Every structure is written in structure tokens, then in C-alpha cells.
C-alpha atoms as a PDB file:
ATOM      1  CA  MET A   1     -96.756 -34.942 250.708  1.00  0.00           C
ATOM      2  CA  SER A   2     -99.854 -36.704 250.128  1.00  0.00           C
ATOM      3  CA  GLY A   3    -101.213 -39.777 251.785  1.00  0.00           C
ATOM      4  CA  ASP A   4    -100.502 -42.003 248.798  1.00  0.00           C
ATOM      5  CA  GLY A   5     -96.835 -42.502 249.599  1.00  0.00           C
ATOM      6  CA  GLY A   6     -95.469 -39.430 247.848  1.00  0.00           C
ATOM      7  CA  PHE A   7     -96.201 -40.489 244.298  1.00  0.00           C
ATOM      8  CA  ALA A   8     -98.143 -38.299 241.917  1.00  0.00           C
ATOM      9  CA  PRO A   9    -100.963 -39.929 239.938  1.00  0.00           C
ATOM     10  CA  MET A  10    -100.009 -41.216 236.454  1.00  0.00           C
ATOM     11  CA  PRO A  11    -101.702 -39.651 233.454  1.00  0.00           C
ATOM     12  CA  ARG A  12    -104.406 -41.864 231.886  1.00  0.00           C
ATOM     13  CA  ASP A  13    -103.485 -41.337 228.173  1.00  0.00           C
ATOM     14  CA  GLY A  14    -101.005 -44.274 227.997  1.00  0.00           C
ATOM     15  CA  GLY A  15    -103.647 -46.457 226.317  1.00  0.00           C
ATOM     16  CA  PHE A  16    -103.739 -44.196 223.295  1.00  0.00           C
ATOM     17  CA  ALA A  17    -100.054 -44.849 222.596  1.00  0.00           C
ATOM     18  CA  LEU A  18    -100.710 -48.607 222.452  1.00  0.00           C
ATOM     19  CA  LEU A  19    -103.654 -48.103 220.106  1.00  0.00           C
ATOM     20  CA  GLU A  20    -101.521 -45.901 217.834  1.00  0.00           C
ATOM     21  CA  VAL A  21     -98.807 -48.562 217.729  1.00  0.00           C
ATOM     22  CA  LEU A  22    -101.341 -51.255 216.806  1.00  0.00           C
ATOM     23  CA  VAL A  23    -102.826 -49.113 214.002  1.00  0.00           C
ATOM     24  CA  ALA A  24     -99.333 -48.371 212.674  1.00  0.00           C
ATOM     25  CA  PHE A  25     -98.497 -52.073 212.788  1.00  0.00           C
ATOM     26  CA  VAL A  26    -101.658 -52.981 210.801  1.00  0.00           C
ATOM     27  CA  ILE A  27    -100.928 -50.286 208.196  1.00  0.00           C
ATOM     28  CA  GLY A  28     -97.338 -51.514 207.888  1.00  0.00           C
ATOM     29  CA  ALA A  29     -98.486 -55.125 207.503  1.00  0.00           C
ATOM     30  CA  LEU A  30    -100.936 -54.156 204.742  1.00  0.00           C
ATOM     31  CA  ALA A  31     -98.234 -52.173 202.944  1.00  0.00           C
ATOM     32  CA  LEU A  32     -95.789 -55.088 203.153  1.00  0.00           C
ATOM     33  CA  GLY A  33     -98.471 -57.441 201.814  1.00  0.00           C
ATOM     34  CA  ALA A  34     -99.061 -55.143 198.827  1.00  0.00           C
ATOM     35  CA  LEU A  35     -95.324 -54.877 198.168  1.00  0.00           C
ATOM     36  CA  TYR A  36     -94.988 -58.666 198.381  1.00  0.00           C
ATOM     37  CA  GLN A  37     -97.778 -59.190 195.851  1.00  0.00           C
ATOM     38  CA  GLY A  38     -96.261 -56.583 193.548  1.00  0.00           C
ATOM     39  CA  ALA A  39     -92.873 -58.267 193.729  1.00  0.00           C
ATOM     40  CA  LEU A  40     -94.386 -61.682 192.974  1.00  0.00           C
ATOM     41  CA  GLY A  41     -96.305 -60.228 190.029  1.00  0.00           C
ATOM     42  CA  GLY A  42     -93.101 -58.696 188.683  1.00  0.00           C
ATOM     43  CA  LEU A  43     -91.216 -61.979 189.004  1.00  0.00           C
ATOM     44  CA  LEU A  44     -93.983 -63.864 187.191  1.00  0.00           C
ATOM     45  CA  ALA A  45     -94.063 -61.263 184.410  1.00  0.00           C
ATOM     46  CA  THR A  46     -90.288 -61.549 184.025  1.00  0.00           C
ATOM     47  CA  ARG A  47     -90.541 -65.323 183.783  1.00  0.00           C
ATOM     48  CA  VAL A  48     -93.332 -65.152 181.185  1.00  0.00           C
ATOM     49  CA  ALA A  49     -91.349 -62.600 179.162  1.00  0.00           C
ATOM     50  CA  GLY A  50     -88.336 -64.918 179.202  1.00  0.00           C
ATOM     51  CA  HIS A  51     -90.402 -67.816 177.877  1.00  0.00           C
ATOM     52  CA  ILE A  52     -91.899 -65.620 175.145  1.00  0.00           C
ATOM     53  CA  GLU A  53     -88.456 -64.344 174.146  1.00  0.00           C
ATOM     54  CA  GLU A  54     -87.141 -67.897 173.881  1.00  0.00           C
ATOM     55  CA  ALA A  55     -90.196 -69.014 171.889  1.00  0.00           C
ATOM     56  CA  VAL A  56     -89.777 -66.129 169.424  1.00  0.00           C
ATOM     57  CA  ALA A  57     -86.097 -67.031 168.960  1.00  0.00           C
ATOM     58  CA  ARG A  58     -87.050 -70.654 168.289  1.00  0.00           C
ATOM     59  CA  ALA A  59     -89.771 -69.613 165.816  1.00  0.00           C
ATOM     60  CA  ARG A  60     -87.339 -67.324 163.971  1.00  0.00           C
ATOM     61  CA  SER A  61     -84.887 -70.195 163.760  1.00  0.00           C
ATOM     62  CA  HIS A  62     -87.513 -72.435 162.153  1.00  0.00           C
ATOM     63  CA  LEU A  63     -88.484 -69.675 159.700  1.00  0.00           C
ATOM     64  CA  ALA A  64     -84.840 -69.116 158.762  1.00  0.00           C
ATOM     65  CA  VAL A  65     -84.392 -72.640 157.421  1.00  0.00           C
ATOM     66  CA  VAL A  66     -87.588 -72.768 155.352  1.00  0.00           C
ATOM     67  CA  GLY A  67     -86.680 -72.853 151.671  1.00  0.00           C
ATOM     68  CA  ARG A  68     -82.925 -72.840 152.318  1.00  0.00           C
ATOM     69  CA  GLY A  69     -81.449 -75.698 150.342  1.00  0.00           C
ATOM     70  CA  THR A  70     -84.782 -77.503 150.008  1.00  0.00           C
ATOM     71  CA  ALA A  71     -87.809 -76.935 147.809  1.00  0.00           C
ATOM     72  CA  LEU A  72     -90.872 -75.338 149.306  1.00  0.00           C
ATOM     73  CA  VAL A  73     -93.574 -77.963 149.625  1.00  0.00           C
ATOM     74  CA  ALA A  74     -97.046 -77.109 150.862  1.00  0.00           C
ATOM     75  CA  GLY A  75     -97.974 -79.024 153.985  1.00  0.00           C
ATOM     76  CA  ASP A  76     -97.640 -79.202 157.762  1.00  0.00           C
ATOM     77  CA  GLN A  77     -94.831 -80.448 159.958  1.00  0.00           C
ATOM     78  CA  GLN A  78     -94.476 -80.572 163.715  1.00  0.00           C
ATOM     79  CA  GLY A  79     -92.142 -81.796 166.392  1.00  0.00           C
ATOM     80  CA  ASP A  80     -90.652 -81.401 169.831  1.00  0.00           C
ATOM     81  CA  ASP A  81     -88.171 -78.555 170.174  1.00  0.00           C
ATOM     82  CA  GLY A  82     -86.858 -79.592 173.592  1.00  0.00           C
ATOM     83  CA  GLY A  83     -87.137 -77.737 176.878  1.00  0.00           C
ATOM     84  CA  GLY A  84     -90.910 -78.173 176.929  1.00  0.00           C
ATOM     85  CA  TYR A  85     -91.407 -76.316 173.619  1.00  0.00           C
ATOM     86  CA  ARG A  86     -93.236 -77.813 170.656  1.00  0.00           C
ATOM     87  CA  TRP A  87     -93.207 -76.463 167.090  1.00  0.00           C
ATOM     88  CA  ARG A  88     -95.579 -76.608 164.150  1.00  0.00           C
ATOM     89  CA  LEU A  89     -94.775 -75.378 160.654  1.00  0.00           C
ATOM     90  CA  SER A  90     -97.394 -74.751 157.988  1.00  0.00           C
ATOM     91  CA  ILE A  91     -96.578 -73.952 154.352  1.00  0.00           C
ATOM     92  CA  ARG A  92     -99.426 -72.958 152.058  1.00  0.00           C
ATOM     93  CA  ARG A  93     -99.331 -71.852 148.431  1.00  0.00           C
ATOM     94  CA  ASP A  94    -101.009 -68.463 148.456  1.00  0.00           C
ATOM     95  CA  ALA A  95    -100.874 -66.973 144.990  1.00  0.00           C
ATOM     96  CA  VAL A  96     -99.024 -67.093 141.745  1.00  0.00           C
ATOM     97  CA  ALA A  97     -96.237 -64.523 141.640  1.00  0.00           C
ATOM     98  CA  PRO A  98     -96.191 -62.438 138.470  1.00  0.00           C
ATOM     99  CA  LEU A  99     -93.222 -62.799 136.189  1.00  0.00           C
ATOM    100  CA  ALA A 100     -90.962 -59.779 136.362  1.00  0.00           C
ATOM    101  CA  ARG A 101     -89.465 -60.376 132.931  1.00  0.00           C
ATOM    102  CA  GLY A 102     -89.167 -63.154 130.443  1.00  0.00           C
ATOM    103  CA  ASP A 103     -89.553 -64.027 126.823  1.00  0.00           C
ATOM    104  CA  ALA A 104     -92.877 -64.666 125.121  1.00  0.00           C
ATOM    105  CA  ALA A 105     -92.459 -68.467 125.219  1.00  0.00           C
ATOM    106  CA  MET A 106     -91.875 -68.363 128.956  1.00  0.00           C
ATOM    107  CA  VAL A 107     -94.922 -66.169 129.486  1.00  0.00           C
ATOM    108  CA  ALA A 108     -97.022 -68.511 127.311  1.00  0.00           C
ATOM    109  CA  ARG A 109     -96.039 -71.511 129.464  1.00  0.00           C
ATOM    110  CA  GLY A 110     -97.336 -69.684 132.506  1.00  0.00           C
ATOM    111  CA  PRO A 111     -95.753 -68.605 135.755  1.00  0.00           C
ATOM    112  CA  ARG A 112     -93.073 -70.775 137.295  1.00  0.00           C
ATOM    113  CA  GLU A 113     -93.043 -69.248 140.776  1.00  0.00           C
ATOM    114  CA  ALA A 114     -95.632 -69.003 143.514  1.00  0.00           C
ATOM    115  CA  LEU A 115     -95.944 -67.179 146.798  1.00  0.00           C
ATOM    116  CA  TYR A 116     -95.959 -69.456 149.821  1.00  0.00           C
ATOM    117  CA  VAL A 117     -97.266 -68.375 153.221  1.00  0.00           C
ATOM    118  CA  VAL A 118     -95.177 -69.866 156.024  1.00  0.00           C
ATOM    119  CA  THR A 119     -96.482 -69.952 159.592  1.00  0.00           C
ATOM    120  CA  VAL A 120     -94.591 -71.227 162.639  1.00  0.00           C
ATOM    121  CA  TRP A 121     -96.187 -71.858 166.025  1.00  0.00           C
ATOM    122  CA  ILE A 122     -94.152 -72.514 169.156  1.00  0.00           C
ATOM    123  CA  THR A 123     -96.224 -73.755 172.106  1.00  0.00           C
ATOM    124  CA  TRP A 124     -95.374 -74.594 175.705  1.00  0.00           C
ATOM    125  CA  ASP A 125     -97.147 -75.309 178.967  1.00  0.00           C
ATOM    126  CA  GLY A 126     -96.607 -73.281 182.073  1.00  0.00           C
ATOM    127  CA  ASP A 127     -97.097 -69.873 183.596  1.00  0.00           C
ATOM    128  CA  GLY A 128    -100.752 -70.528 184.315  1.00  0.00           C
ATOM    129  CA  GLY A 129    -101.719 -72.496 181.192  1.00  0.00           C
ATOM    130  CA  ALA A 130    -100.806 -73.237 177.600  1.00  0.00           C
ATOM    131  CA  ARG A 131     -98.997 -70.452 175.767  1.00  0.00           C
ATOM    132  CA  ALA A 132     -98.092 -69.973 172.108  1.00  0.00           C
ATOM    133  CA  VAL A 133     -96.138 -67.702 169.806  1.00  0.00           C
ATOM    134  CA  ARG A 134     -96.968 -67.443 166.109  1.00  0.00           C
ATOM    135  CA  LEU A 135     -94.807 -65.943 163.367  1.00  0.00           C
ATOM    136  CA  ASP A 136     -95.911 -65.534 159.757  1.00  0.00           C
ATOM    137  CA  SER A 137     -93.721 -65.014 156.709  1.00  0.00           C
ATOM    138  CA  ALA A 138     -93.843 -65.401 152.955  1.00  0.00           C
ATOM    139  CA  ARG A 139     -91.437 -67.048 150.531  1.00  0.00           C
ATOM    140  CA  VAL A 140     -91.292 -67.147 146.758  1.00  0.00           C
ATOM    141  CA  GLY A 141     -90.603 -70.580 145.382  1.00  0.00           C
ATOM    142  CA  PRO A 142     -91.006 -72.647 142.255  1.00  0.00           C
ATOM    143  CA  ILE A 143     -94.351 -74.145 141.386  1.00  0.00           C
ATOM    144  CA  PRO A 144     -94.065 -77.918 141.516  1.00  0.00           C
ATOM    145  CA  PRO A 145     -94.575 -79.552 138.119  1.00  0.00           C
ATOM    146  CA  THR A 146     -98.001 -80.994 137.496  1.00  0.00           C
ATOM    147  CA  PRO A 147     -98.033 -84.737 136.917  1.00  0.00           C
ATOM    148  CA  PRO A 148     -98.886 -85.791 133.335  1.00  0.00           C
END
């Protein structure tokens, strides 16, 4: 027995275990922070994709009704689509469509149809700023009569 009460001296490497735990804790915290940011980025991307998908569906809906039951008239229209979405429709006469067939008198009078370029924009605010979706299409329609 020794004079210290019978106890053997403790090893001095216990401080290294605490340092290792602290380093592991810091590494774990950094990894969790990176995972958190990645998860937030994924959620934001999902939200933006949902808005874009809805805007494309709305734009397709506006394109579907152009020239259905009404004459194509060059010009611009716009309005509120609800849910924070706004729409703008532009119809422009692009070119004269060639006649596929017809008699000589019809050809002499000139073409009766034109190609119209139709553009629809759907815009909304959010997700870090103003966003927009644009769809373009073309329609063949009658040329409006010229006034005498």
C-alpha cells in the first residue's frame, strides 16, 4: 500500500475524450445545418414547381378558348385569374395563309384566312419575386373585311 490511501493514480488522458466529444458535436451540428438547408431548398423548389404547374394549366385553359365560337380579333386582353394569378392575352395577325384550293374567282379576290399568333402570359407574385409563364400558339382564322 502506498501512502496515498491505497488508491492508484488516475490516467491523465481523460481530457482527450472530452475534446473528441466536442469535435464530434460540432461536426454533427454542421451536418444537421446542411441537411436543414437542403430540406428547406427542396421545399421551396416544390412550392415553386407547384405554382409553375398551376400557371401552365391556367395558360393552356386561356389558349383553349381562343377562336372557339368567337372570331379571332387582333389585340390585347388582360384580367385577374384569381388566386394571385393575372393573365394577359395577345393576338397578332402574323401572315396570310395560302389557299389550299379554290376556284379562280376566289383566288382573284385574294386570301380569306390569316395566321394569328396567340400569346398568353400568366404572372404571379411570390417565391422571391415576380414570376411568369408564357405560352405561344398559332391559329388560322378569317381575315376581317376591310371597311369600304
